[in-house]
Each structure stands twice: as structure tokens, then as C-alpha cells.
N, C-alpha and C. Protein backbone atom coordinates (compact mmCIF):
# COMPACT_ATOMS: atom_id res chain seq x y z
N UNK A 1 39.83 -69.54 19.70
CA UNK A 1 40.32 -68.49 18.87
C UNK A 1 39.16 -67.81 18.12
N UNK A 2 38.24 -68.61 17.64
CA UNK A 2 37.09 -68.04 16.91
C UNK A 2 36.26 -67.17 17.84
N UNK A 3 36.14 -67.62 19.11
CA UNK A 3 35.36 -66.81 20.03
C UNK A 3 36.04 -65.45 20.30
N UNK A 4 37.35 -65.48 20.32
CA UNK A 4 38.07 -64.25 20.56
C UNK A 4 37.87 -63.27 19.39
N UNK A 5 37.95 -63.71 18.16
CA UNK A 5 37.71 -62.86 16.98
C UNK A 5 36.26 -62.38 17.00
N UNK A 6 35.36 -63.32 17.31
CA UNK A 6 33.94 -62.94 17.37
C UNK A 6 33.71 -61.87 18.44
N UNK A 7 34.38 -61.99 19.59
CA UNK A 7 34.26 -60.98 20.66
C UNK A 7 34.77 -59.61 20.19
N UNK A 8 35.91 -59.58 19.49
CA UNK A 8 36.44 -58.32 18.97
C UNK A 8 35.50 -57.69 17.95
N UNK A 9 34.90 -58.50 17.11
CA UNK A 9 33.96 -57.99 16.11
C UNK A 9 32.72 -57.41 16.81
N UNK A 10 32.22 -58.11 17.82
CA UNK A 10 31.05 -57.63 18.55
C UNK A 10 31.40 -56.34 19.32
N UNK A 11 32.57 -56.29 19.94
CA UNK A 11 32.99 -55.08 20.65
C UNK A 11 33.13 -53.92 19.67
N UNK A 12 33.71 -54.16 18.51
CA UNK A 12 33.84 -53.12 17.48
C UNK A 12 32.48 -52.64 17.00
N UNK A 13 31.54 -53.57 16.81
CA UNK A 13 30.18 -53.18 16.40
C UNK A 13 29.51 -52.35 17.48
N UNK A 14 29.71 -52.71 18.74
CA UNK A 14 29.13 -51.94 19.84
C UNK A 14 29.74 -50.54 19.91
N UNK A 15 31.02 -50.42 19.68
CA UNK A 15 31.67 -49.10 19.69
C UNK A 15 31.11 -48.25 18.54
N UNK A 16 30.99 -48.85 17.34
CA UNK A 16 30.42 -48.12 16.20
C UNK A 16 28.97 -47.73 16.47
N UNK A 17 28.19 -48.61 17.06
CA UNK A 17 26.79 -48.32 17.38
C UNK A 17 26.72 -47.19 18.41
N UNK A 18 27.61 -47.21 19.40
CA UNK A 18 27.61 -46.15 20.42
C UNK A 18 27.98 -44.81 19.77
N UNK A 19 28.94 -44.81 18.86
CA UNK A 19 29.32 -43.58 18.17
C UNK A 19 28.14 -43.06 17.33
N UNK A 20 27.45 -43.96 16.65
CA UNK A 20 26.30 -43.57 15.82
C UNK A 20 25.18 -43.00 16.70
N UNK A 21 24.92 -43.62 17.85
CA UNK A 21 23.89 -43.12 18.77
C UNK A 21 24.28 -41.75 19.31
N UNK A 22 25.57 -41.56 19.63
CA UNK A 22 26.03 -40.25 20.11
C UNK A 22 25.85 -39.19 19.02
N UNK A 23 26.15 -39.55 17.76
CA UNK A 23 25.98 -38.60 16.65
C UNK A 23 24.50 -38.23 16.49
N UNK A 24 23.63 -39.19 16.59
CA UNK A 24 22.19 -38.91 16.48
C UNK A 24 21.74 -38.00 17.62
N UNK A 25 22.23 -38.28 18.84
CA UNK A 25 21.86 -37.45 19.99
C UNK A 25 22.37 -36.02 19.81
N UNK A 26 23.60 -35.87 19.33
CA UNK A 26 24.16 -34.53 19.11
C UNK A 26 23.37 -33.78 18.04
N UNK A 27 23.01 -34.44 16.93
CA UNK A 27 22.21 -33.80 15.87
C UNK A 27 20.84 -33.39 16.39
N UNK A 28 20.24 -34.24 17.21
CA UNK A 28 18.92 -33.89 17.75
C UNK A 28 19.03 -32.71 18.71
N UNK A 29 20.10 -32.59 19.46
CA UNK A 29 20.31 -31.45 20.35
C UNK A 29 20.46 -30.16 19.53
N UNK A 30 21.20 -30.24 18.44
CA UNK A 30 21.37 -29.07 17.57
C UNK A 30 20.01 -28.67 16.98
N UNK A 31 19.23 -29.65 16.54
CA UNK A 31 17.92 -29.36 15.97
C UNK A 31 16.98 -28.76 17.03
N UNK A 32 17.05 -29.26 18.26
CA UNK A 32 16.22 -28.71 19.33
C UNK A 32 16.59 -27.26 19.63
N UNK A 33 17.90 -26.95 19.64
CA UNK A 33 18.32 -25.57 19.85
C UNK A 33 17.84 -24.67 18.70
N UNK A 34 17.92 -25.17 17.48
CA UNK A 34 17.45 -24.42 16.31
C UNK A 34 15.94 -24.18 16.41
N UNK A 35 15.19 -25.19 16.82
CA UNK A 35 13.75 -25.07 16.98
C UNK A 35 13.40 -24.04 18.06
N UNK A 36 14.14 -24.05 19.16
CA UNK A 36 13.90 -23.07 20.22
C UNK A 36 14.18 -21.65 19.72
N UNK A 37 15.24 -21.50 18.93
CA UNK A 37 15.56 -20.20 18.36
C UNK A 37 14.46 -19.73 17.41
N UNK A 38 13.96 -20.63 16.57
CA UNK A 38 12.87 -20.27 15.65
C UNK A 38 11.60 -19.91 16.40
N UNK A 39 11.29 -20.62 17.47
CA UNK A 39 10.11 -20.29 18.26
C UNK A 39 10.24 -18.91 18.90
N UNK A 40 11.44 -18.58 19.37
CA UNK A 40 11.66 -17.25 19.94
C UNK A 40 11.49 -16.17 18.89
N UNK A 41 12.05 -16.39 17.70
CA UNK A 41 11.89 -15.42 16.61
C UNK A 41 10.41 -15.28 16.21
N UNK A 42 9.70 -16.41 16.16
CA UNK A 42 8.29 -16.39 15.81
C UNK A 42 7.48 -15.60 16.84
N UNK A 43 7.79 -15.80 18.12
CA UNK A 43 7.09 -15.06 19.17
C UNK A 43 7.36 -13.56 19.04
N UNK A 44 8.62 -13.20 18.76
CA UNK A 44 8.96 -11.78 18.57
C UNK A 44 8.22 -11.19 17.38
N UNK A 45 8.14 -11.93 16.27
CA UNK A 45 7.44 -11.44 15.08
C UNK A 45 5.93 -11.29 15.35
N UNK A 46 5.36 -12.24 16.08
CA UNK A 46 3.93 -12.12 16.42
C UNK A 46 3.68 -10.91 17.31
N UNK A 47 4.59 -10.66 18.27
CA UNK A 47 4.46 -9.47 19.11
C UNK A 47 4.58 -8.20 18.27
N UNK A 48 5.50 -8.22 17.32
CA UNK A 48 5.67 -7.05 16.44
C UNK A 48 4.43 -6.83 15.58
N UNK A 49 3.85 -7.91 15.06
CA UNK A 49 2.63 -7.80 14.26
C UNK A 49 1.50 -7.24 15.10
N UNK A 50 1.38 -7.72 16.33
CA UNK A 50 0.33 -7.21 17.22
C UNK A 50 0.55 -5.73 17.51
N UNK A 51 1.80 -5.34 17.71
CA UNK A 51 2.10 -3.93 17.94
C UNK A 51 1.75 -3.09 16.72
N UNK A 52 2.10 -3.57 15.53
CA UNK A 52 1.78 -2.83 14.31
C UNK A 52 0.27 -2.74 14.08
N UNK A 53 -0.46 -3.81 14.41
CA UNK A 53 -1.92 -3.76 14.27
C UNK A 53 -2.53 -2.74 15.23
N UNK A 54 -2.00 -2.67 16.44
CA UNK A 54 -2.50 -1.68 17.39
C UNK A 54 -2.18 -0.27 16.90
N UNK A 55 -0.98 -0.09 16.37
CA UNK A 55 -0.61 1.22 15.83
C UNK A 55 -1.49 1.57 14.64
N UNK A 56 -1.77 0.59 13.77
CA UNK A 56 -2.65 0.83 12.62
C UNK A 56 -4.05 1.21 13.10
N UNK A 57 -4.51 0.57 14.15
CA UNK A 57 -5.82 0.90 14.70
C UNK A 57 -5.88 2.34 15.18
N UNK A 58 -4.79 2.81 15.79
CA UNK A 58 -4.74 4.21 16.23
C UNK A 58 -4.71 5.15 15.03
N UNK A 59 -3.90 4.82 14.02
CA UNK A 59 -3.77 5.69 12.86
C UNK A 59 -5.03 5.69 12.00
N UNK A 60 -5.76 4.59 12.00
CA UNK A 60 -6.94 4.44 11.15
C UNK A 60 -8.22 4.90 11.85
N UNK A 61 -8.10 5.47 13.03
CA UNK A 61 -9.26 5.92 13.78
C UNK A 61 -9.96 7.06 13.03
N UNK A 62 -11.26 6.91 12.69
CA UNK A 62 -11.95 7.95 11.93
C UNK A 62 -11.96 9.31 12.62
N UNK A 63 -12.04 9.34 13.93
CA UNK A 63 -12.03 10.63 14.64
C UNK A 63 -10.69 11.33 14.45
N UNK A 64 -9.60 10.57 14.49
CA UNK A 64 -8.28 11.15 14.27
C UNK A 64 -8.15 11.67 12.85
N UNK A 65 -8.61 10.91 11.88
CA UNK A 65 -8.53 11.34 10.48
C UNK A 65 -9.37 12.59 10.26
N UNK A 66 -10.55 12.64 10.88
CA UNK A 66 -11.39 13.83 10.73
C UNK A 66 -10.72 15.05 11.34
N UNK A 67 -10.09 14.88 12.49
CA UNK A 67 -9.39 16.00 13.12
C UNK A 67 -8.23 16.47 12.24
N UNK A 68 -7.49 15.55 11.65
CA UNK A 68 -6.39 15.94 10.76
C UNK A 68 -6.91 16.62 9.50
N UNK A 69 -8.03 16.13 8.96
CA UNK A 69 -8.61 16.76 7.77
C UNK A 69 -9.07 18.17 8.09
N UNK A 70 -9.70 18.36 9.24
CA UNK A 70 -10.13 19.71 9.63
C UNK A 70 -8.94 20.63 9.84
N UNK A 71 -7.85 20.08 10.33
CA UNK A 71 -6.68 20.89 10.67
C UNK A 71 -5.86 21.27 9.42
N UNK A 72 -5.67 20.32 8.49
CA UNK A 72 -4.73 20.54 7.40
C UNK A 72 -5.38 20.75 6.03
N UNK A 73 -6.61 20.36 5.84
CA UNK A 73 -7.25 20.51 4.53
C UNK A 73 -8.23 21.67 4.55
N UNK A 74 -8.11 22.59 3.62
CA UNK A 74 -9.03 23.73 3.61
C UNK A 74 -10.35 23.36 2.94
N UNK A 75 -11.04 22.37 3.45
CA UNK A 75 -12.31 21.93 2.88
C UNK A 75 -13.45 22.75 3.45
N UNK A 76 -14.42 22.99 2.58
CA UNK A 76 -15.61 23.73 3.00
C UNK A 76 -16.83 22.91 2.62
N UNK A 77 -17.96 23.14 3.30
CA UNK A 77 -19.17 22.40 2.95
C UNK A 77 -19.60 22.72 1.52
N UNK A 78 -20.25 21.78 0.89
CA UNK A 78 -20.72 21.99 -0.47
C UNK A 78 -21.90 22.95 -0.46
N UNK A 79 -21.89 23.85 -1.41
CA UNK A 79 -22.99 24.81 -1.55
C UNK A 79 -23.97 24.29 -2.61
N UNK A 80 -25.25 24.63 -2.50
CA UNK A 80 -26.21 24.17 -3.51
C UNK A 80 -25.90 24.69 -4.92
N UNK A 81 -25.13 25.74 -5.00
CA UNK A 81 -24.80 26.27 -6.34
C UNK A 81 -23.74 25.44 -7.05
N UNK A 82 -23.19 24.45 -6.38
CA UNK A 82 -22.18 23.61 -7.00
C UNK A 82 -22.80 22.48 -7.81
N UNK A 83 -24.09 22.29 -7.76
CA UNK A 83 -24.75 21.24 -8.50
C UNK A 83 -25.38 21.81 -9.76
N UNK A 84 -25.51 20.98 -10.78
CA UNK A 84 -26.11 21.42 -12.03
C UNK A 84 -26.87 20.24 -12.62
N UNK A 85 -27.74 20.52 -13.55
CA UNK A 85 -28.50 19.47 -14.22
C UNK A 85 -27.64 18.83 -15.30
N UNK A 86 -27.93 17.59 -15.60
CA UNK A 86 -27.17 16.88 -16.62
C UNK A 86 -27.43 17.44 -18.01
N UNK A 87 -28.58 18.06 -18.24
CA UNK A 87 -28.87 18.58 -19.58
C UNK A 87 -28.03 19.81 -19.91
N UNK A 88 -27.34 20.37 -18.92
CA UNK A 88 -26.48 21.53 -19.17
C UNK A 88 -25.04 21.13 -19.49
N UNK A 89 -24.75 19.84 -19.49
CA UNK A 89 -23.41 19.39 -19.83
C UNK A 89 -23.16 19.62 -21.31
N UNK A 90 -21.92 19.92 -21.71
CA UNK A 90 -21.64 20.11 -23.13
C UNK A 90 -21.72 18.78 -23.87
N UNK A 91 -21.87 18.87 -25.16
CA UNK A 91 -21.96 17.65 -25.98
C UNK A 91 -20.62 16.93 -25.95
N UNK A 92 -20.69 15.64 -26.15
CA UNK A 92 -19.49 14.83 -26.17
C UNK A 92 -18.66 15.20 -27.40
N UNK A 93 -17.33 15.31 -27.25
CA UNK A 93 -16.52 15.66 -28.42
C UNK A 93 -16.58 14.55 -29.46
N UNK A 94 -16.37 14.89 -30.73
CA UNK A 94 -16.44 13.87 -31.78
C UNK A 94 -15.34 12.83 -31.59
N UNK A 95 -15.58 11.66 -32.09
CA UNK A 95 -14.64 10.55 -31.94
C UNK A 95 -13.56 10.68 -33.00
N UNK A 96 -12.54 11.50 -32.68
CA UNK A 96 -11.43 11.70 -33.60
C UNK A 96 -10.20 10.93 -33.15
N UNK A 97 -10.41 9.87 -32.41
CA UNK A 97 -9.26 9.15 -31.88
C UNK A 97 -8.49 8.43 -32.98
N UNK A 98 -9.12 8.14 -34.09
CA UNK A 98 -8.43 7.43 -35.16
C UNK A 98 -8.13 8.39 -36.30
N UNK A 99 -7.61 9.55 -35.97
CA UNK A 99 -7.24 10.54 -36.98
C UNK A 99 -6.00 10.05 -37.71
N UNK A 100 -5.41 10.93 -38.48
CA UNK A 100 -4.26 10.56 -39.29
C UNK A 100 -3.06 10.17 -38.44
N UNK A 101 -3.03 10.57 -37.18
CA UNK A 101 -1.90 10.24 -36.30
C UNK A 101 -1.95 8.78 -35.90
N UNK A 102 -0.78 8.24 -35.61
CA UNK A 102 -0.73 6.89 -35.05
C UNK A 102 -1.05 6.92 -33.57
N UNK A 103 -0.89 8.07 -32.95
CA UNK A 103 -1.14 8.22 -31.53
C UNK A 103 -2.57 8.71 -31.33
N UNK A 104 -3.48 7.88 -30.79
CA UNK A 104 -4.88 8.30 -30.67
C UNK A 104 -5.07 9.46 -29.69
N UNK A 105 -4.24 9.56 -28.67
CA UNK A 105 -4.39 10.65 -27.70
C UNK A 105 -3.98 11.97 -28.35
N UNK A 106 -2.92 11.95 -29.14
CA UNK A 106 -2.50 13.17 -29.82
C UNK A 106 -3.57 13.64 -30.79
N UNK A 107 -4.30 12.70 -31.44
CA UNK A 107 -5.38 13.08 -32.34
C UNK A 107 -6.49 13.80 -31.61
N UNK A 108 -6.84 13.33 -30.41
CA UNK A 108 -7.90 13.98 -29.64
C UNK A 108 -7.43 15.33 -29.14
N UNK A 109 -6.20 15.40 -28.62
CA UNK A 109 -5.69 16.66 -28.07
C UNK A 109 -5.55 17.70 -29.16
N UNK A 110 -5.10 17.30 -30.34
CA UNK A 110 -4.91 18.24 -31.43
C UNK A 110 -6.21 18.82 -31.93
N UNK A 111 -7.34 18.13 -31.78
CA UNK A 111 -8.62 18.59 -32.30
C UNK A 111 -9.49 19.23 -31.24
N UNK A 112 -8.98 19.45 -30.05
CA UNK A 112 -9.78 20.05 -28.99
C UNK A 112 -9.95 21.55 -29.21
N UNK A 113 -11.12 22.03 -28.92
CA UNK A 113 -11.39 23.46 -28.95
C UNK A 113 -11.65 23.91 -27.51
N UNK A 114 -11.33 25.14 -27.20
CA UNK A 114 -11.60 25.59 -25.83
C UNK A 114 -13.10 25.61 -25.56
N UNK A 115 -13.52 25.28 -24.34
CA UNK A 115 -14.95 25.26 -24.04
C UNK A 115 -15.53 26.67 -24.07
N UNK A 116 -16.81 26.74 -24.41
CA UNK A 116 -17.48 28.03 -24.46
C UNK A 116 -17.71 28.59 -23.07
N UNK A 117 -18.08 27.74 -22.14
CA UNK A 117 -18.36 28.19 -20.77
C UNK A 117 -17.87 27.12 -19.80
N UNK A 118 -17.64 27.55 -18.60
CA UNK A 118 -17.23 26.61 -17.57
C UNK A 118 -18.43 25.74 -17.23
N UNK A 119 -18.24 24.44 -17.14
CA UNK A 119 -19.35 23.54 -16.86
C UNK A 119 -19.38 23.16 -15.40
N UNK A 120 -20.53 22.66 -14.97
CA UNK A 120 -20.66 22.12 -13.63
C UNK A 120 -21.02 23.13 -12.57
N UNK A 121 -21.22 24.38 -12.92
CA UNK A 121 -21.62 25.36 -11.91
C UNK A 121 -22.82 26.14 -12.41
N UNK A 122 -23.61 26.58 -11.50
CA UNK A 122 -24.75 27.44 -11.79
C UNK A 122 -24.34 28.84 -11.39
N UNK A 123 -24.72 29.85 -12.17
CA UNK A 123 -24.33 31.21 -11.77
C UNK A 123 -24.85 31.50 -10.37
N UNK A 124 -24.05 32.19 -9.56
CA UNK A 124 -24.46 32.45 -8.17
C UNK A 124 -25.69 33.34 -8.13
N UNK A 125 -26.45 33.13 -7.08
CA UNK A 125 -27.66 33.93 -6.88
C UNK A 125 -27.26 35.36 -6.55
N UNK A 126 -28.21 36.26 -6.71
CA UNK A 126 -27.92 37.68 -6.46
C UNK A 126 -27.53 37.86 -5.01
N UNK A 127 -26.46 38.60 -4.77
CA UNK A 127 -26.02 38.90 -3.41
C UNK A 127 -25.09 37.85 -2.84
N UNK A 128 -24.82 36.76 -3.57
CA UNK A 128 -23.92 35.72 -3.08
C UNK A 128 -22.63 35.83 -3.87
N UNK A 129 -21.53 35.97 -3.17
CA UNK A 129 -20.23 36.07 -3.84
C UNK A 129 -19.70 34.69 -4.18
N UNK A 130 -19.12 34.52 -5.37
CA UNK A 130 -18.54 33.22 -5.70
C UNK A 130 -17.27 32.99 -4.88
N UNK A 131 -16.91 31.74 -4.65
CA UNK A 131 -15.69 31.46 -3.89
C UNK A 131 -14.48 31.89 -4.70
N UNK A 132 -13.39 32.28 -4.02
CA UNK A 132 -12.18 32.69 -4.75
C UNK A 132 -11.60 31.50 -5.50
N UNK A 133 -10.94 31.73 -6.64
CA UNK A 133 -10.35 30.61 -7.39
C UNK A 133 -9.21 29.99 -6.60
N UNK A 134 -9.07 28.70 -6.78
CA UNK A 134 -8.01 27.97 -6.08
C UNK A 134 -6.68 28.30 -6.71
N UNK A 135 -5.64 28.33 -5.86
CA UNK A 135 -4.30 28.59 -6.37
C UNK A 135 -3.80 27.36 -7.09
N UNK A 136 -3.23 27.57 -8.26
CA UNK A 136 -2.66 26.43 -8.98
C UNK A 136 -1.21 26.29 -8.55
N UNK A 137 -0.71 25.05 -8.47
CA UNK A 137 0.68 24.85 -8.04
C UNK A 137 1.63 25.39 -9.11
N UNK A 138 2.81 25.79 -8.65
CA UNK A 138 3.81 26.30 -9.58
C UNK A 138 4.28 25.17 -10.48
N UNK A 139 4.80 25.48 -11.69
CA UNK A 139 5.21 24.43 -12.61
C UNK A 139 6.30 23.51 -12.03
N UNK A 140 7.12 24.01 -11.14
CA UNK A 140 8.18 23.18 -10.57
C UNK A 140 7.69 22.31 -9.44
N UNK A 141 6.49 22.53 -8.94
CA UNK A 141 5.97 21.77 -7.79
C UNK A 141 5.33 20.49 -8.30
N UNK A 142 5.96 19.37 -8.06
CA UNK A 142 5.46 18.07 -8.52
C UNK A 142 4.74 17.31 -7.43
N UNK A 143 4.79 17.80 -6.20
CA UNK A 143 4.23 17.02 -5.10
C UNK A 143 2.73 17.09 -5.03
N UNK A 144 2.12 18.14 -5.55
CA UNK A 144 0.67 18.28 -5.48
C UNK A 144 0.20 18.78 -4.15
N UNK A 145 1.11 19.04 -3.22
CA UNK A 145 0.75 19.53 -1.89
C UNK A 145 0.52 21.04 -1.98
N UNK A 146 -0.36 21.60 -1.16
CA UNK A 146 -0.57 23.05 -1.18
C UNK A 146 0.66 23.79 -0.71
N UNK A 147 0.89 24.94 -1.31
CA UNK A 147 2.04 25.75 -0.92
C UNK A 147 1.75 26.46 0.38
N UNK A 148 2.73 26.53 1.26
CA UNK A 148 2.55 27.21 2.55
C UNK A 148 3.58 28.26 2.71
């Protein structure tokens, strides 16, 4: 009789062990499928990064940027008349930042006087016409882009 009870206990333990092994196998299969999915996503992301790097290389090409600058920006070579000596710069404004106002910027702006002459340019030589003044953007134009 004892052997019969012992046999049932051993058979029950074997059934429980087999169920536990099956559960472990099923969990490992799920984890393997998840790992394969992650590897596929990782490969796709690496391909996307490589594609974006190639696209960045094309967009960052100096020859392309130079061609776009020549096409869309009205830049002209610098003329020697655009340079000036440092001794012709106006004197530094007085340090009125700590005026009666609590706002130091308002104190400086309130005490500004209009400049006597435009700085940074030398009068053009005889027979050379100065460049036309640049168009200022309209007050409603916040983009800073040139008007077309």
C-alpha cells in the first residue's frame, strides 16, 4: 500500500515537473520571438540611419550649398571701400546702464543719441558709385526672408 501511494506521489511530481518544463519552453519561445522582432526593428532603424546619413551627406555637400547660395542669395564680393580703420570708430557710449530705471536696457536706450555719421564705411572714391541701399522688410514681415 505504501508503494502504491509513493508511486502516485512520484507520478504527480513528474506530471507537475513536465508542466513546469512545458511552461519554461513556452516562455522561452515567446522570448525568442520577441528577440527576433527586436532584431528586425533594430536592422530597419540602422538602415534608416544609414539612409539619413547618406541624405545628410548630399545636403551638406559644399558644392551644392555654394550653388544654392549663388542662386538664391544676392551676395556680392566685398569691395575695398567696405573696410575702415579702427581709429575711425565712434567713442563707446557712457555706461548709463544703472540709471534711475530698474531696467538697465531701457536706461541705455533712453539715453541714446543718433550717430553723427554712418560708421564702418569709407567715402567712395571719385567715379565709383555707392551700392544701392538694401530694402528693409515690411513691419508685418517677421520671417526675415527677402521679399519677392
